[in-house]
Amino acid sequence: MNWPLFWALTLAFGVVISNIMLLKYASKLTTPALKPQQPKQAEANPAPIQRPHATSDQKQNSPE
């Protein structure tokens, strides 16, 4: 008998069987329900800082 072929087929068969077993196990798992997030108060999150736009004496970012 060709032993490398035997071991290759045995390994492939084992991988297929283990993947099927893993899928069966994973299908039984349940994930906990996500809790709905409550909106945070406006005081906790201040408005973002408004920065002035670039003036004529400032260079624009450019890849040149």
PDB file of N, CA and C in Angstrom:
ATOM      1  N   MET A   1       0.843  -1.184   0.000  1.00  0.00           N
ATOM      2  CA  MET A   1       0.000   0.000   0.000  1.00  0.00           C
ATOM      3  C   MET A   1       0.884   1.241   0.000  1.00  0.00           C
ATOM      4  N   ASN A   2       0.389   2.266  -0.609  1.00  0.00           N
ATOM      5  CA  ASN A   2       1.089   3.534  -0.696  1.00  0.00           C
ATOM      6  C   ASN A   2       0.848   4.311   0.608  1.00  0.00           C
ATOM      7  N   TRP A   3       1.817   4.285   1.548  1.00  0.00           N
ATOM      8  CA  TRP A   3       1.623   4.868   2.878  1.00  0.00           C
ATOM      9  C   TRP A   3       1.431   6.385   2.873  1.00  0.00           C
ATOM     10  N   PRO A   4       2.136   7.147   2.073  1.00  0.00           N
ATOM     11  CA  PRO A   4       1.870   8.596   2.067  1.00  0.00           C
ATOM     12  C   PRO A   4       0.433   8.919   1.631  1.00  0.00           C
ATOM     13  N   LEU A   5      -0.076   8.164   0.673  1.00  0.00           N
ATOM     14  CA  LEU A   5      -1.461   8.373   0.247  1.00  0.00           C
ATOM     15  C   LEU A   5      -2.423   8.038   1.369  1.00  0.00           C
ATOM     16  N   PHE A   6      -2.157   6.960   2.071  1.00  0.00           N
ATOM     17  CA  PHE A   6      -3.002   6.561   3.196  1.00  0.00           C
ATOM     18  C   PHE A   6      -3.043   7.660   4.253  1.00  0.00           C
ATOM     19  N   TRP A   7      -1.871   8.195   4.622  1.00  0.00           N
ATOM     20  CA  TRP A   7      -1.830   9.233   5.663  1.00  0.00           C
ATOM     21  C   TRP A   7      -2.474  10.528   5.177  1.00  0.00           C
ATOM     22  N   ALA A   8      -2.321  10.864   3.914  1.00  0.00           N
ATOM     23  CA  ALA A   8      -2.948  12.077   3.377  1.00  0.00           C
ATOM     24  C   ALA A   8      -4.470  11.949   3.403  1.00  0.00           C
ATOM     25  N   LEU A   9      -4.978  10.783   3.001  1.00  0.00           N
ATOM     26  CA  LEU A   9      -6.435  10.572   3.035  1.00  0.00           C
ATOM     27  C   LEU A   9      -6.966  10.550   4.463  1.00  0.00           C
ATOM     28  N   THR A  10      -6.217   9.943   5.370  1.00  0.00           N
ATOM     29  CA  THR A  10      -6.623   9.913   6.778  1.00  0.00           C
ATOM     30  C   THR A  10      -6.663  11.323   7.352  1.00  0.00           C
ATOM     31  N   LEU A  11      -5.662  12.122   7.043  1.00  0.00           N
ATOM     32  CA  LEU A  11      -5.619  13.497   7.522  1.00  0.00           C
ATOM     33  C   LEU A  11      -6.772  14.316   6.944  1.00  0.00           C
ATOM     34  N   ALA A  12      -7.029  14.190   5.658  1.00  0.00           N
ATOM     35  CA  ALA A  12      -8.125  14.927   5.030  1.00  0.00           C
ATOM     36  C   ALA A  12      -9.470  14.514   5.621  1.00  0.00           C
ATOM     37  N   PHE A  13      -9.659  13.214   5.810  1.00  0.00           N
ATOM     38  CA  PHE A  13     -10.900  12.715   6.395  1.00  0.00           C
ATOM     39  C   PHE A  13     -11.061  13.258   7.818  1.00  0.00           C
ATOM     40  N   GLY A  14      -9.979  13.292   8.588  1.00  0.00           N
ATOM     41  CA  GLY A  14     -10.030  13.825   9.948  1.00  0.00           C
ATOM     42  C   GLY A  14     -10.370  15.292   9.985  1.00  0.00           C
ATOM     43  N   VAL A  15      -9.833  16.072   9.050  1.00  0.00           N
ATOM     44  CA  VAL A  15     -10.136  17.503   8.996  1.00  0.00           C
ATOM     45  C   VAL A  15     -11.612  17.723   8.666  1.00  0.00           C
ATOM     46  N   VAL A  16     -12.139  16.974   7.715  1.00  0.00           N
ATOM     47  CA  VAL A  16     -13.548  17.116   7.334  1.00  0.00           C
ATOM     48  C   VAL A  16     -14.452  16.750   8.514  1.00  0.00           C
ATOM     49  N   ILE A  17     -14.179  15.635   9.166  1.00  0.00           N
ATOM     50  CA  ILE A  17     -14.999  15.201  10.298  1.00  0.00           C
ATOM     51  C   ILE A  17     -14.921  16.209  11.440  1.00  0.00           C
ATOM     52  N   SER A  18     -13.711  16.726  11.736  1.00  0.00           N
ATOM     53  CA  SER A  18     -13.585  17.690  12.834  1.00  0.00           C
ATOM     54  C   SER A  18     -14.308  18.994  12.519  1.00  0.00           C
ATOM     55  N   ASN A  19     -14.302  19.425  11.268  1.00  0.00           N
ATOM     56  CA  ASN A  19     -15.026  20.646  10.897  1.00  0.00           C
ATOM     57  C   ASN A  19     -16.534  20.447  11.030  1.00  0.00           C
ATOM     58  N   ILE A  20     -17.031  19.285  10.661  1.00  0.00           N
ATOM     59  CA  ILE A  20     -18.460  19.003  10.821  1.00  0.00           C
ATOM     60  C   ILE A  20     -18.826  18.997  12.302  1.00  0.00           C
ATOM     61  N   MET A  21     -17.984  18.386  13.133  1.00  0.00           N
ATOM     62  CA  MET A  21     -18.244  18.375  14.572  1.00  0.00           C
ATOM     63  C   MET A  21     -18.223  19.784  15.151  1.00  0.00           C
ATOM     64  N   LEU A  22     -17.294  20.625  14.684  1.00  0.00           N
ATOM     65  CA  LEU A  22     -17.211  21.996  15.157  1.00  0.00           C
ATOM     66  C   LEU A  22     -18.450  22.792  14.764  1.00  0.00           C
ATOM     67  N   LEU A  23     -18.946  22.598  13.553  1.00  0.00           N
ATOM     68  CA  LEU A  23     -20.155  23.298  13.113  1.00  0.00           C
ATOM     69  C   LEU A  23     -21.365  22.878  13.937  1.00  0.00           C
ATOM     70  N   LYS A  24     -21.473  21.601  14.250  1.00  0.00           N
ATOM     71  CA  LYS A  24     -22.586  21.138  15.072  1.00  0.00           C
ATOM     72  C   LYS A  24     -22.517  21.744  16.471  1.00  0.00           C
ATOM     73  N   TYR A  25     -21.310  21.826  17.029  1.00  0.00           N
ATOM     74  CA  TYR A  25     -21.139  22.412  18.352  1.00  0.00           C
ATOM     75  C   TYR A  25     -21.448  23.910  18.336  1.00  0.00           C
ATOM     76  N   ALA A  26     -20.966  24.616  17.313  1.00  0.00           N
ATOM     77  CA  ALA A  26     -21.160  26.061  17.233  1.00  0.00           C
ATOM     78  C   ALA A  26     -22.622  26.425  16.998  1.00  0.00           C
ATOM     79  N   SER A  27     -23.376  25.553  16.352  1.00  0.00           N
ATOM     80  CA  SER A  27     -24.780  25.874  16.094  1.00  0.00           C
ATOM     81  C   SER A  27     -25.605  25.826  17.373  1.00  0.00           C
ATOM     82  N   LYS A  28     -25.120  25.115  18.391  1.00  0.00           N
ATOM     83  CA  LYS A  28     -25.846  25.033  19.652  1.00  0.00           C
ATOM     84  C   LYS A  28     -25.526  26.193  20.587  1.00  0.00           C
ATOM     85  N   LEU A  29     -24.466  26.930  20.303  1.00  0.00           N
ATOM     86  CA  LEU A  29     -24.086  28.053  21.156  1.00  0.00           C
ATOM     87  C   LEU A  29     -25.065  29.204  20.979  1.00  0.00           C
ATOM     88  N   THR A  30     -25.314  29.899  22.059  1.00  0.00           N
ATOM     89  CA  THR A  30     -26.154  31.091  21.985  1.00  0.00           C
ATOM     90  C   THR A  30     -25.335  32.286  22.451  1.00  0.00           C
ATOM     91  N   THR A  31     -25.590  33.411  21.852  1.00  0.00           N
ATOM     92  CA  THR A  31     -24.911  34.631  22.250  1.00  0.00           C
ATOM     93  C   THR A  31     -25.864  35.449  23.115  1.00  0.00           C
ATOM     94  N   PRO A  32     -25.350  36.133  24.119  1.00  0.00           N
ATOM     95  CA  PRO A  32     -26.234  36.939  24.964  1.00  0.00           C
ATOM     96  C   PRO A  32     -26.803  38.117  24.176  1.00  0.00           C
ATOM     97  N   ALA A  33     -28.013  38.491  24.530  1.00  0.00           N
ATOM     98  CA  ALA A  33     -28.656  39.613  23.843  1.00  0.00           C
ATOM     99  C   ALA A  33     -27.940  40.905  24.207  1.00  0.00           C
ATOM    100  N   LEU A  34     -27.834  41.789  23.255  1.00  0.00           N
ATOM    101  CA  LEU A  34     -27.194  43.073  23.499  1.00  0.00           C
ATOM    102  C   LEU A  34     -28.161  43.993  24.229  1.00  0.00           C
ATOM    103  N   LYS A  35     -27.640  44.700  25.210  1.00  0.00           N
ATOM    104  CA  LYS A  35     -28.463  45.665  25.932  1.00  0.00           C
ATOM    105  C   LYS A  35     -28.571  46.939  25.099  1.00  0.00           C
ATOM    106  N   PRO A  36     -29.768  47.511  24.979  1.00  0.00           N
ATOM    107  CA  PRO A  36     -29.868  48.761  24.214  1.00  0.00           C
ATOM    108  C   PRO A  36     -29.133  49.884  24.942  1.00  0.00           C
ATOM    109  N   GLN A  37     -28.375  50.644  24.200  1.00  0.00           N
ATOM    110  CA  GLN A  37     -27.617  51.724  24.803  1.00  0.00           C
ATOM    111  C   GLN A  37     -28.518  52.928  25.024  1.00  0.00           C
ATOM    112  N   GLN A  38     -28.406  53.511  26.212  1.00  0.00           N
ATOM    113  CA  GLN A  38     -29.184  54.698  26.512  1.00  0.00           C
ATOM    114  C   GLN A  38     -28.430  55.912  25.998  1.00  0.00           C
ATOM    115  N   PRO A  39     -29.151  56.895  25.447  1.00  0.00           N
ATOM    116  CA  PRO A  39     -28.456  58.093  24.962  1.00  0.00           C
ATOM    117  C   PRO A  39     -27.825  58.841  26.136  1.00  0.00           C
ATOM    118  N   LYS A  40     -26.603  59.287  25.936  1.00  0.00           N
ATOM    119  CA  LYS A  40     -25.887  60.005  26.974  1.00  0.00           C
ATOM    120  C   LYS A  40     -26.369  61.448  27.020  1.00  0.00           C
ATOM    121  N   GLN A  41     -26.233  62.048  28.186  1.00  0.00           N
ATOM    122  CA  GLN A  41     -26.666  63.430  28.350  1.00  0.00           C
ATOM    123  C   GLN A  41     -25.746  64.354  27.569  1.00  0.00           C
ATOM    124  N   ALA A  42     -26.289  65.508  27.169  1.00  0.00           N
ATOM    125  CA  ALA A  42     -25.521  66.469  26.389  1.00  0.00           C
ATOM    126  C   ALA A  42     -24.373  67.035  27.222  1.00  0.00           C
ATOM    127  N   GLU A  43     -24.517  67.095  28.544  1.00  0.00           N
ATOM    128  CA  GLU A  43     -23.462  67.637  29.395  1.00  0.00           C
ATOM    129  C   GLU A  43     -22.248  66.712  29.401  1.00  0.00           C
ATOM    130  N   ALA A  44     -22.490  65.417  29.300  1.00  0.00           N
ATOM    131  CA  ALA A  44     -21.394  64.465  29.335  1.00  0.00           C
ATOM    132  C   ALA A  44     -20.562  64.531  28.061  1.00  0.00           C
ATOM    133  N   ASN A  45     -21.178  64.867  26.942  1.00  0.00           N
ATOM    134  CA  ASN A  45     -20.480  64.975  25.665  1.00  0.00           C
ATOM    135  C   ASN A  45     -20.591  66.404  25.154  1.00  0.00           C
ATOM    136  N   PRO A  46     -19.615  67.261  25.457  1.00  0.00           N
ATOM    137  CA  PRO A  46     -19.698  68.640  24.969  1.00  0.00           C
ATOM    138  C   PRO A  46     -19.573  68.676  23.445  1.00  0.00           C
ATOM    139  N   ALA A  47     -20.050  69.750  22.874  1.00  0.00           N
ATOM    140  CA  ALA A  47     -20.005  69.911  21.425  1.00  0.00           C
ATOM    141  C   ALA A  47     -18.546  69.959  20.970  1.00  0.00           C
ATOM    142  N   PRO A  48     -18.245  69.445  19.796  1.00  0.00           N
ATOM    143  CA  PRO A  48     -16.857  69.486  19.313  1.00  0.00           C
ATOM    144  C   PRO A  48     -16.389  70.925  19.121  1.00  0.00           C
ATOM    145  N   ILE A  49     -15.098  71.125  19.300  1.00  0.00           N
ATOM    146  CA  ILE A  49     -14.522  72.461  19.174  1.00  0.00           C
ATOM    147  C   ILE A  49     -14.512  72.862  17.710  1.00  0.00           C
ATOM    148  N   GLN A  50     -15.022  74.065  17.437  1.00  0.00           N
ATOM    149  CA  GLN A  50     -15.034  74.581  16.077  1.00  0.00           C
ATOM    150  C   GLN A  50     -13.708  75.283  15.815  1.00  0.00           C
ATOM    151  N   ARG A  51     -12.966  74.797  14.845  1.00  0.00           N
ATOM    152  CA  ARG A  51     -11.692  75.410  14.507  1.00  0.00           C
ATOM    153  C   ARG A  51     -11.891  76.317  13.305  1.00  0.00           C
ATOM    154  N   PRO A  52     -11.204  77.445  13.287  1.00  0.00           N
ATOM    155  CA  PRO A  52     -11.356  78.354  12.135  1.00  0.00           C
ATOM    156  C   PRO A  52     -10.749  77.723  10.881  1.00  0.00           C
ATOM    157  N   HIS A  53     -11.304  78.105   9.767  1.00  0.00           N
ATOM    158  CA  HIS A  53     -10.793  77.607   8.497  1.00  0.00           C
ATOM    159  C   HIS A  53      -9.453  78.250   8.200  1.00  0.00           C
ATOM    160  N   ALA A  54      -8.713  77.640   7.310  1.00  0.00           N
ATOM    161  CA  ALA A  54      -7.402  78.161   6.932  1.00  0.00           C
ATOM    162  C   ALA A  54      -7.563  79.529   6.278  1.00  0.00           C
ATOM    163  N   THR A  55      -6.723  80.452   6.676  1.00  0.00           N
ATOM    164  CA  THR A  55      -6.771  81.793   6.084  1.00  0.00           C
ATOM    165  C   THR A  55      -5.808  81.842   4.909  1.00  0.00           C
ATOM    166  N   SER A  56      -5.771  82.973   4.245  1.00  0.00           N
ATOM    167  CA  SER A  56      -4.963  83.093   3.038  1.00  0.00           C
ATOM    168  C   SER A  56      -3.463  83.011   3.332  1.00  0.00           C
ATOM    169  N   ASP A  57      -3.011  83.365   4.568  1.00  0.00           N
ATOM    170  CA  ASP A  57      -1.598  83.304   4.869  1.00  0.00           C
ATOM    171  C   ASP A  57      -1.148  81.892   5.280  1.00  0.00           C
ATOM    172  N   GLN A  58      -2.083  80.974   5.402  1.00  0.00           N
ATOM    173  CA  GLN A  58      -1.736  79.597   5.743  1.00  0.00           C
ATOM    174  C   GLN A  58      -1.782  78.727   4.495  1.00  0.00           C
ATOM    175  N   LYS A  59      -0.867  77.775   4.412  1.00  0.00           N
ATOM    176  CA  LYS A  59      -0.856  76.867   3.277  1.00  0.00           C
ATOM    177  C   LYS A  59      -1.836  75.713   3.525  1.00  0.00           C
ATOM    178  N   GLN A  60      -2.479  75.312   2.489  1.00  0.00           N
ATOM    179  CA  GLN A  60      -3.345  74.148   2.554  1.00  0.00           C
ATOM    180  C   GLN A  60      -2.463  72.905   2.524  1.00  0.00           C
ATOM    181  N   ASN A  61      -2.901  71.847   3.182  1.00  0.00           N
ATOM    182  CA  ASN A  61      -2.179  70.585   3.096  1.00  0.00           C
ATOM    183  C   ASN A  61      -2.344  70.025   1.700  1.00  0.00           C
ATOM    184  N   SER A  62      -1.260  69.818   1.034  1.00  0.00           N
ATOM    185  CA  SER A  62      -1.327  69.246  -0.298  1.00  0.00           C
ATOM    186  C   SER A  62      -0.121  68.338  -0.479  1.00  0.00           C
ATOM    187  N   PRO A  63      -0.260  67.308  -1.295  1.00  0.00           N
ATOM    188  CA  PRO A  63       0.836  66.359  -1.481  1.00  0.00           C
ATOM    189  C   PRO A  63       1.961  66.882  -2.363  1.00  0.00           C
ATOM    190  N   GLU A  64       1.869  68.129  -2.783  1.00  0.00           N
ATOM    191  CA  GLU A  64       2.885  68.677  -3.683  1.00  0.00           C
ATOM    192  C   GLU A  64       4.164  69.000  -2.970  1.00  0.00           C
TER     193      GLU A  64
END
